[in-house]
Amino acid sequence: MRKLLFIIVLILAFTSGNKIYAQGQGAKVEYVKAFDNINHPEICYWFFSANMFENDRYLKVVDSLAHNSLYTLIFITARNGVDFYDFDKMRPIFNKLVARGHSLGLKIGLQLWDNKKDIAIENTERCITEGEVTLDDFGSVTYIAKAKHIRSMSPLIKSELFKVYAFKKTSDGFYDPQTLKDITPQTTSSSPIKKPLSLR
């Protein structure tokens, strides 16, 4: 029964393929400039520099993108001294830019970096880093913590010590749980801004 079923399916596959091939022989080939993209936006990333302000040049760029590209979503990011947080200057520009874009079928997005002005500490991102060092014969050690995989250290507000634990290691990746002790109160740390955290 299994052999018979397999043969029938195979014959159907060959027959179907031949039929499609035969129809393709005399079919007229149509060329299209582009397929309609109905599922995903075509994204443009626009570095918005100070030269865009001259004679409303940004409106000409929007016109050009609408008429000479397939982009449907334009992301604008500030560069070369442009401050998107200068609301008095940028609000009328954004109003005109977005209105022009929408009239031409473009969506407009802004990439807003943090403005680094009066940021409350609870609204900041955090990076917790950890390390392991061996105590010397006197039970002391110096450790410098460096943040890893951080794009830029320039917006660093502060660094501080979180916790320090001492334990006896039994093997790589394991320790004796009875020896685990929080020794944070016995440690001292210094935290110079934009420099690694030093721990003693």
C-alpha atoms as a PDB file:
ATOM      1  CA  MET A   1       0.000   0.000   0.000  1.00  0.00           C
ATOM      2  CA  ARG A   2       2.863   2.386   0.828  1.00  0.00           C
ATOM      3  CA  LYS A   3       4.558   1.714  -2.538  1.00  0.00           C
ATOM      4  CA  LEU A   4       1.350   2.344  -4.446  1.00  0.00           C
ATOM      5  CA  LEU A   5       0.717   5.627  -2.645  1.00  0.00           C
ATOM      6  CA  PHE A   6       4.254   6.818  -3.353  1.00  0.00           C
ATOM      7  CA  ILE A   7       3.957   6.032  -7.080  1.00  0.00           C
ATOM      8  CA  ILE A   8       0.660   7.879  -7.373  1.00  0.00           C
ATOM      9  CA  VAL A   9       2.062  10.973  -5.688  1.00  0.00           C
ATOM     10  CA  LEU A  10       5.158  10.844  -7.877  1.00  0.00           C
ATOM     11  CA  ILE A  11       3.086  10.587 -11.076  1.00  0.00           C
ATOM     12  CA  LEU A  12       0.937  13.518  -9.983  1.00  0.00           C
ATOM     13  CA  ALA A  13       4.063  15.553  -9.323  1.00  0.00           C
ATOM     14  CA  PHE A  14       5.525  14.833 -12.757  1.00  0.00           C
ATOM     15  CA  THR A  15       2.220  15.445 -14.490  1.00  0.00           C
ATOM     16  CA  SER A  16       1.698  18.722 -12.673  1.00  0.00           C
ATOM     17  CA  GLY A  17       5.235  19.841 -13.503  1.00  0.00           C
ATOM     18  CA  ASN A  18       4.895  19.018 -17.191  1.00  0.00           C
ATOM     19  CA  LYS A  19       1.619  20.872 -17.396  1.00  0.00           C
ATOM     20  CA  ILE A  20       3.093  23.998 -15.870  1.00  0.00           C
ATOM     21  CA  TYR A  21       6.141  23.743 -18.127  1.00  0.00           C
ATOM     22  CA  ALA A  22       3.987  23.339 -21.220  1.00  0.00           C
ATOM     23  CA  GLN A  23       1.937  26.378 -20.286  1.00  0.00           C
ATOM     24  CA  GLY A  24       5.106  28.369 -19.703  1.00  0.00           C
ATOM     25  CA  GLN A  25       6.421  27.659 -23.221  1.00  0.00           C
ATOM     26  CA  GLY A  26       3.895  29.888 -24.983  1.00  0.00           C
ATOM     27  CA  ALA A  27       3.209  32.337 -22.154  1.00  0.00           C
ATOM     28  CA  LYS A  28       3.866  36.029 -22.663  1.00  0.00           C
ATOM     29  CA  VAL A  29       6.581  37.432 -20.408  1.00  0.00           C
ATOM     30  CA  GLU A  30       5.695  40.646 -18.605  1.00  0.00           C
ATOM     31  CA  TYR A  31       8.328  42.846 -17.023  1.00  0.00           C
ATOM     32  CA  VAL A  32       7.467  45.049 -14.047  1.00  0.00           C
ATOM     33  CA  LYS A  33       9.469  47.954 -12.651  1.00  0.00           C
ATOM     34  CA  ALA A  34       8.873  46.858  -9.046  1.00  0.00           C
ATOM     35  CA  PHE A  35       6.588  44.741  -6.929  1.00  0.00           C
ATOM     36  CA  ASP A  36       4.160  46.514  -4.643  1.00  0.00           C
ATOM     37  CA  ASN A  37       5.471  46.281  -1.100  1.00  0.00           C
ATOM     38  CA  ILE A  38       2.381  45.953   1.074  1.00  0.00           C
ATOM     39  CA  ASN A  39       3.913  44.338   4.151  1.00  0.00           C
ATOM     40  CA  HIS A  40       7.118  46.156   5.081  1.00  0.00           C
ATOM     41  CA  PRO A  41       8.258  49.776   4.941  1.00  0.00           C
ATOM     42  CA  GLU A  42      11.276  50.725   2.875  1.00  0.00           C
ATOM     43  CA  ILE A  43      13.358  52.620   5.421  1.00  0.00           C
ATOM     44  CA  CYS A  44      15.726  55.511   4.766  1.00  0.00           C
ATOM     45  CA  TYR A  45      18.088  56.768   7.491  1.00  0.00           C
ATOM     46  CA  TRP A  46      18.655  60.509   7.034  1.00  0.00           C
ATOM     47  CA  PHE A  47      21.552  62.297   8.760  1.00  0.00           C
ATOM     48  CA  PHE A  48      20.002  65.718   9.355  1.00  0.00           C
ATOM     49  CA  SER A  49      22.809  68.324   9.365  1.00  0.00           C
ATOM     50  CA  ALA A  50      22.780  72.098   9.785  1.00  0.00           C
ATOM     51  CA  ASN A  51      22.927  72.651   6.001  1.00  0.00           C
ATOM     52  CA  MET A  52      19.308  71.404   5.818  1.00  0.00           C
ATOM     53  CA  PHE A  53      18.135  74.710   7.337  1.00  0.00           C
ATOM     54  CA  GLU A  54      19.335  76.849   4.435  1.00  0.00           C
ATOM     55  CA  ASN A  55      16.365  77.908   2.288  1.00  0.00           C
ATOM     56  CA  ASP A  56      14.271  75.021   3.661  1.00  0.00           C
ATOM     57  CA  ARG A  57      16.545  72.546   1.877  1.00  0.00           C
ATOM     58  CA  TYR A  58      15.020  69.691   3.919  1.00  0.00           C
ATOM     59  CA  LEU A  59      11.760  70.104   1.935  1.00  0.00           C
ATOM     60  CA  LYS A  60      13.654  69.546  -1.328  1.00  0.00           C
ATOM     61  CA  VAL A  61      15.186  66.398   0.143  1.00  0.00           C
ATOM     62  CA  VAL A  62      11.715  65.102   1.078  1.00  0.00           C
ATOM     63  CA  ASP A  63      10.498  65.844  -2.459  1.00  0.00           C
ATOM     64  CA  SER A  64      13.474  64.014  -3.929  1.00  0.00           C
ATOM     65  CA  LEU A  65      12.994  60.975  -1.700  1.00  0.00           C
ATOM     66  CA  ALA A  66       9.306  60.812  -2.582  1.00  0.00           C
ATOM     67  CA  HIS A  67       9.813  61.104  -6.345  1.00  0.00           C
ATOM     68  CA  ASN A  68      13.139  59.324  -6.918  1.00  0.00           C
ATOM     69  CA  SER A  69      13.202  56.447  -4.451  1.00  0.00           C
ATOM     70  CA  LEU A  70      11.121  53.548  -3.168  1.00  0.00           C
ATOM     71  CA  TYR A  71      11.413  54.663   0.469  1.00  0.00           C
ATOM     72  CA  THR A  72       8.193  54.802   2.469  1.00  0.00           C
ATOM     73  CA  LEU A  73       9.515  55.546   5.977  1.00  0.00           C
ATOM     74  CA  ILE A  74      12.179  58.198   6.595  1.00  0.00           C
ATOM     75  CA  PHE A  75      14.042  58.153   9.930  1.00  0.00           C
ATOM     76  CA  ILE A  76      15.756  61.438  10.716  1.00  0.00           C
ATOM     77  CA  THR A  77      18.702  61.576  13.101  1.00  0.00           C
ATOM     78  CA  ALA A  78      20.500  64.750  14.246  1.00  0.00           C
ATOM     79  CA  ARG A  79      24.111  65.255  13.188  1.00  0.00           C
ATOM     80  CA  ASN A  80      26.795  67.961  13.090  1.00  0.00           C
ATOM     81  CA  GLY A  81      25.488  70.254  15.806  1.00  0.00           C
ATOM     82  CA  VAL A  82      21.756  69.959  15.081  1.00  0.00           C
ATOM     83  CA  ASP A  83      19.759  69.758  18.320  1.00  0.00           C
ATOM     84  CA  PHE A  84      16.313  68.175  17.979  1.00  0.00           C
ATOM     85  CA  TYR A  85      15.659  69.328  21.569  1.00  0.00           C
ATOM     86  CA  ASP A  86      15.830  72.973  20.516  1.00  0.00           C
ATOM     87  CA  PHE A  87      12.040  73.036  20.404  1.00  0.00           C
ATOM     88  CA  ASP A  88      11.612  76.681  19.382  1.00  0.00           C
ATOM     89  CA  LYS A  89      13.773  76.127  16.312  1.00  0.00           C
ATOM     90  CA  MET A  90      12.817  72.561  15.405  1.00  0.00           C
ATOM     91  CA  ARG A  91       9.042  72.490  15.952  1.00  0.00           C
ATOM     92  CA  PRO A  92       8.142  74.617  12.899  1.00  0.00           C
ATOM     93  CA  ILE A  93      10.677  72.695  10.804  1.00  0.00           C
ATOM     94  CA  PHE A  94       9.264  69.339  11.856  1.00  0.00           C
ATOM     95  CA  ASN A  95       5.717  70.600  11.229  1.00  0.00           C
ATOM     96  CA  LYS A  96       6.583  71.517   7.638  1.00  0.00           C
ATOM     97  CA  LEU A  97       8.720  68.455   7.035  1.00  0.00           C
ATOM     98  CA  VAL A  98       6.122  65.960   8.294  1.00  0.00           C
ATOM     99  CA  ALA A  99       3.269  67.726   6.472  1.00  0.00           C
ATOM    100  CA  ARG A 100       5.243  67.611   3.196  1.00  0.00           C
ATOM    101  CA  GLY A 101       6.172  63.971   3.735  1.00  0.00           C
ATOM    102  CA  HIS A 102       2.590  62.926   4.486  1.00  0.00           C
ATOM    103  CA  SER A 103       1.279  64.809   1.454  1.00  0.00           C
ATOM    104  CA  LEU A 104       3.659  62.722  -0.687  1.00  0.00           C
ATOM    105  CA  GLY A 105       2.831  59.406   1.007  1.00  0.00           C
ATOM    106  CA  LEU A 106       5.924  59.230   3.220  1.00  0.00           C
ATOM    107  CA  LYS A 107       5.945  58.439   6.923  1.00  0.00           C
ATOM    108  CA  ILE A 108       8.470  60.329   9.033  1.00  0.00           C
ATOM    109  CA  GLY A 109      10.200  59.109  12.191  1.00  0.00           C
ATOM    110  CA  LEU A 110      12.704  60.776  14.518  1.00  0.00           C
ATOM    111  CA  GLN A 111      15.624  59.140  16.225  1.00  0.00           C
ATOM    112  CA  LEU A 112      15.929  60.980  19.516  1.00  0.00           C
ATOM    113  CA  TRP A 113      19.105  60.544  21.494  1.00  0.00           C
ATOM    114  CA  ASP A 114      18.970  61.379  25.185  1.00  0.00           C
ATOM    115  CA  ASN A 115      19.253  65.092  25.690  1.00  0.00           C
ATOM    116  CA  LYS A 116      21.603  64.785  28.685  1.00  0.00           C
ATOM    117  CA  LYS A 117      19.862  67.699  30.328  1.00  0.00           C
ATOM    118  CA  ASP A 118      18.674  67.263  33.900  1.00  0.00           C
ATOM    119  CA  ILE A 119      18.139  63.495  33.631  1.00  0.00           C
ATOM    120  CA  ALA A 120      16.778  62.009  36.836  1.00  0.00           C
ATOM    121  CA  ILE A 121      18.934  59.064  37.934  1.00  0.00           C
ATOM    122  CA  GLU A 122      15.876  56.754  37.972  1.00  0.00           C
ATOM    123  CA  ASN A 123      15.386  57.419  34.240  1.00  0.00           C
ATOM    124  CA  THR A 124      18.855  56.263  33.222  1.00  0.00           C
ATOM    125  CA  GLU A 125      20.041  52.966  31.797  1.00  0.00           C
ATOM    126  CA  ARG A 126      22.114  50.701  33.998  1.00  0.00           C
ATOM    127  CA  CYS A 127      24.938  48.314  33.217  1.00  0.00           C
ATOM    128  CA  ILE A 128      25.963  45.797  35.882  1.00  0.00           C
ATOM    129  CA  THR A 129      29.379  44.237  35.421  1.00  0.00           C
ATOM    130  CA  GLU A 130      30.976  41.525  37.514  1.00  0.00           C
ATOM    131  CA  GLY A 131      34.349  39.999  38.065  1.00  0.00           C
ATOM    132  CA  GLU A 132      36.165  37.396  40.115  1.00  0.00           C
ATOM    133  CA  VAL A 133      39.554  37.805  41.788  1.00  0.00           C
ATOM    134  CA  THR A 134      41.542  35.758  44.279  1.00  0.00           C
ATOM    135  CA  LEU A 135      42.353  37.252  47.679  1.00  0.00           C
ATOM    136  CA  ASP A 136      46.002  37.397  48.671  1.00  0.00           C
ATOM    137  CA  ASP A 137      47.437  35.800  51.842  1.00  0.00           C
ATOM    138  CA  PHE A 138      46.319  38.848  53.845  1.00  0.00           C
ATOM    139  CA  GLY A 139      42.727  38.657  52.577  1.00  0.00           C
ATOM    140  CA  SER A 140      42.897  41.743  50.366  1.00  0.00           C
ATOM    141  CA  VAL A 141      42.843  42.473  46.656  1.00  0.00           C
ATOM    142  CA  THR A 142      42.451  45.367  44.242  1.00  0.00           C
ATOM    143  CA  TYR A 143      40.000  45.013  41.371  1.00  0.00           C
ATOM    144  CA  ILE A 144      39.169  47.436  38.551  1.00  0.00           C
ATOM    145  CA  ALA A 145      35.750  46.962  36.947  1.00  0.00           C
ATOM    146  CA  LYS A 146      35.379  47.932  33.310  1.00  0.00           C
ATOM    147  CA  ALA A 147      32.037  48.129  31.531  1.00  0.00           C
ATOM    148  CA  LYS A 148      31.845  45.847  28.490  1.00  0.00           C
ATOM    149  CA  HIS A 149      29.917  46.300  25.252  1.00  0.00           C
ATOM    150  CA  ILE A 150      28.994  49.920  26.010  1.00  0.00           C
ATOM    151  CA  ARG A 151      28.777  52.006  22.828  1.00  0.00           C
ATOM    152  CA  SER A 152      29.946  55.228  24.433  1.00  0.00           C
ATOM    153  CA  MET A 153      31.176  56.102  27.919  1.00  0.00           C
ATOM    154  CA  SER A 154      30.749  59.844  27.351  1.00  0.00           C
ATOM    155  CA  PRO A 155      27.210  60.055  28.817  1.00  0.00           C
ATOM    156  CA  LEU A 156      28.302  58.209  31.995  1.00  0.00           C
ATOM    157  CA  ILE A 157      26.687  59.860  35.015  1.00  0.00           C
ATOM    158  CA  LYS A 158      28.153  57.748  37.796  1.00  0.00           C
ATOM    159  CA  SER A 159      29.435  54.309  38.729  1.00  0.00           C
ATOM    160  CA  GLU A 160      29.060  52.673  42.106  1.00  0.00           C
ATOM    161  CA  LEU A 161      29.727  49.436  43.928  1.00  0.00           C
ATOM    162  CA  PHE A 162      26.749  47.098  44.155  1.00  0.00           C
ATOM    163  CA  LYS A 163      27.810  43.972  46.108  1.00  0.00           C
ATOM    164  CA  VAL A 164      30.993  42.103  47.017  1.00  0.00           C
ATOM    165  CA  TYR A 165      30.920  38.457  48.092  1.00  0.00           C
ATOM    166  CA  ALA A 166      33.681  36.189  49.379  1.00  0.00           C
ATOM    167  CA  PHE A 167      33.520  32.418  48.975  1.00  0.00           C
ATOM    168  CA  LYS A 168      35.706  29.349  48.730  1.00  0.00           C
ATOM    169  CA  LYS A 169      35.863  28.041  45.195  1.00  0.00           C
ATOM    170  CA  THR A 170      35.649  24.252  44.851  1.00  0.00           C
ATOM    171  CA  SER A 171      36.122  24.004  41.061  1.00  0.00           C
ATOM    172  CA  ASP A 172      35.633  26.090  37.938  1.00  0.00           C
ATOM    173  CA  GLY A 173      32.127  27.579  38.178  1.00  0.00           C
ATOM    174  CA  PHE A 174      31.388  26.097  41.633  1.00  0.00           C
ATOM    175  CA  TYR A 175      31.853  27.176  45.246  1.00  0.00           C
ATOM    176  CA  ASP A 176      31.100  25.926  48.761  1.00  0.00           C
ATOM    177  CA  PRO A 177      27.732  27.592  49.636  1.00  0.00           C
ATOM    178  CA  GLN A 178      28.554  27.505  53.364  1.00  0.00           C
ATOM    179  CA  THR A 179      31.469  29.863  52.759  1.00  0.00           C
ATOM    180  CA  LEU A 180      29.468  32.536  50.899  1.00  0.00           C
ATOM    181  CA  LYS A 181      29.653  35.833  52.764  1.00  0.00           C
ATOM    182  CA  ASP A 182      28.617  39.398  51.873  1.00  0.00           C
ATOM    183  CA  ILE A 183      31.715  41.528  52.547  1.00  0.00           C
ATOM    184  CA  THR A 184      30.475  44.725  50.917  1.00  0.00           C
ATOM    185  CA  PRO A 185      30.713  46.726  54.193  1.00  0.00           C
ATOM    186  CA  GLN A 186      34.404  45.763  54.538  1.00  0.00           C
ATOM    187  CA  THR A 187      35.355  47.070  51.092  1.00  0.00           C
ATOM    188  CA  THR A 188      36.233  50.520  49.858  1.00  0.00           C
ATOM    189  CA  SER A 189      35.657  51.767  46.343  1.00  0.00           C
ATOM    190  CA  SER A 190      36.427  54.837  44.307  1.00  0.00           C
ATOM    191  CA  SER A 191      34.344  55.931  41.358  1.00  0.00           C
ATOM    192  CA  PRO A 192      35.939  58.632  39.252  1.00  0.00           C
ATOM    193  CA  ILE A 193      33.526  59.706  36.531  1.00  0.00           C
ATOM    194  CA  LYS A 194      34.303  58.200  33.109  1.00  0.00           C
ATOM    195  CA  LYS A 195      37.031  55.983  34.571  1.00  0.00           C
ATOM    196  CA  PRO A 196      36.871  52.333  35.690  1.00  0.00           C
ATOM    197  CA  LEU A 197      35.582  51.566  39.180  1.00  0.00           C
ATOM    198  CA  SER A 198      38.441  50.625  41.513  1.00  0.00           C
ATOM    199  CA  LEU A 199      37.731  48.289  44.416  1.00  0.00           C
ATOM    200  CA  ARG A 200      39.863  47.416  47.484  1.00  0.00           C
END
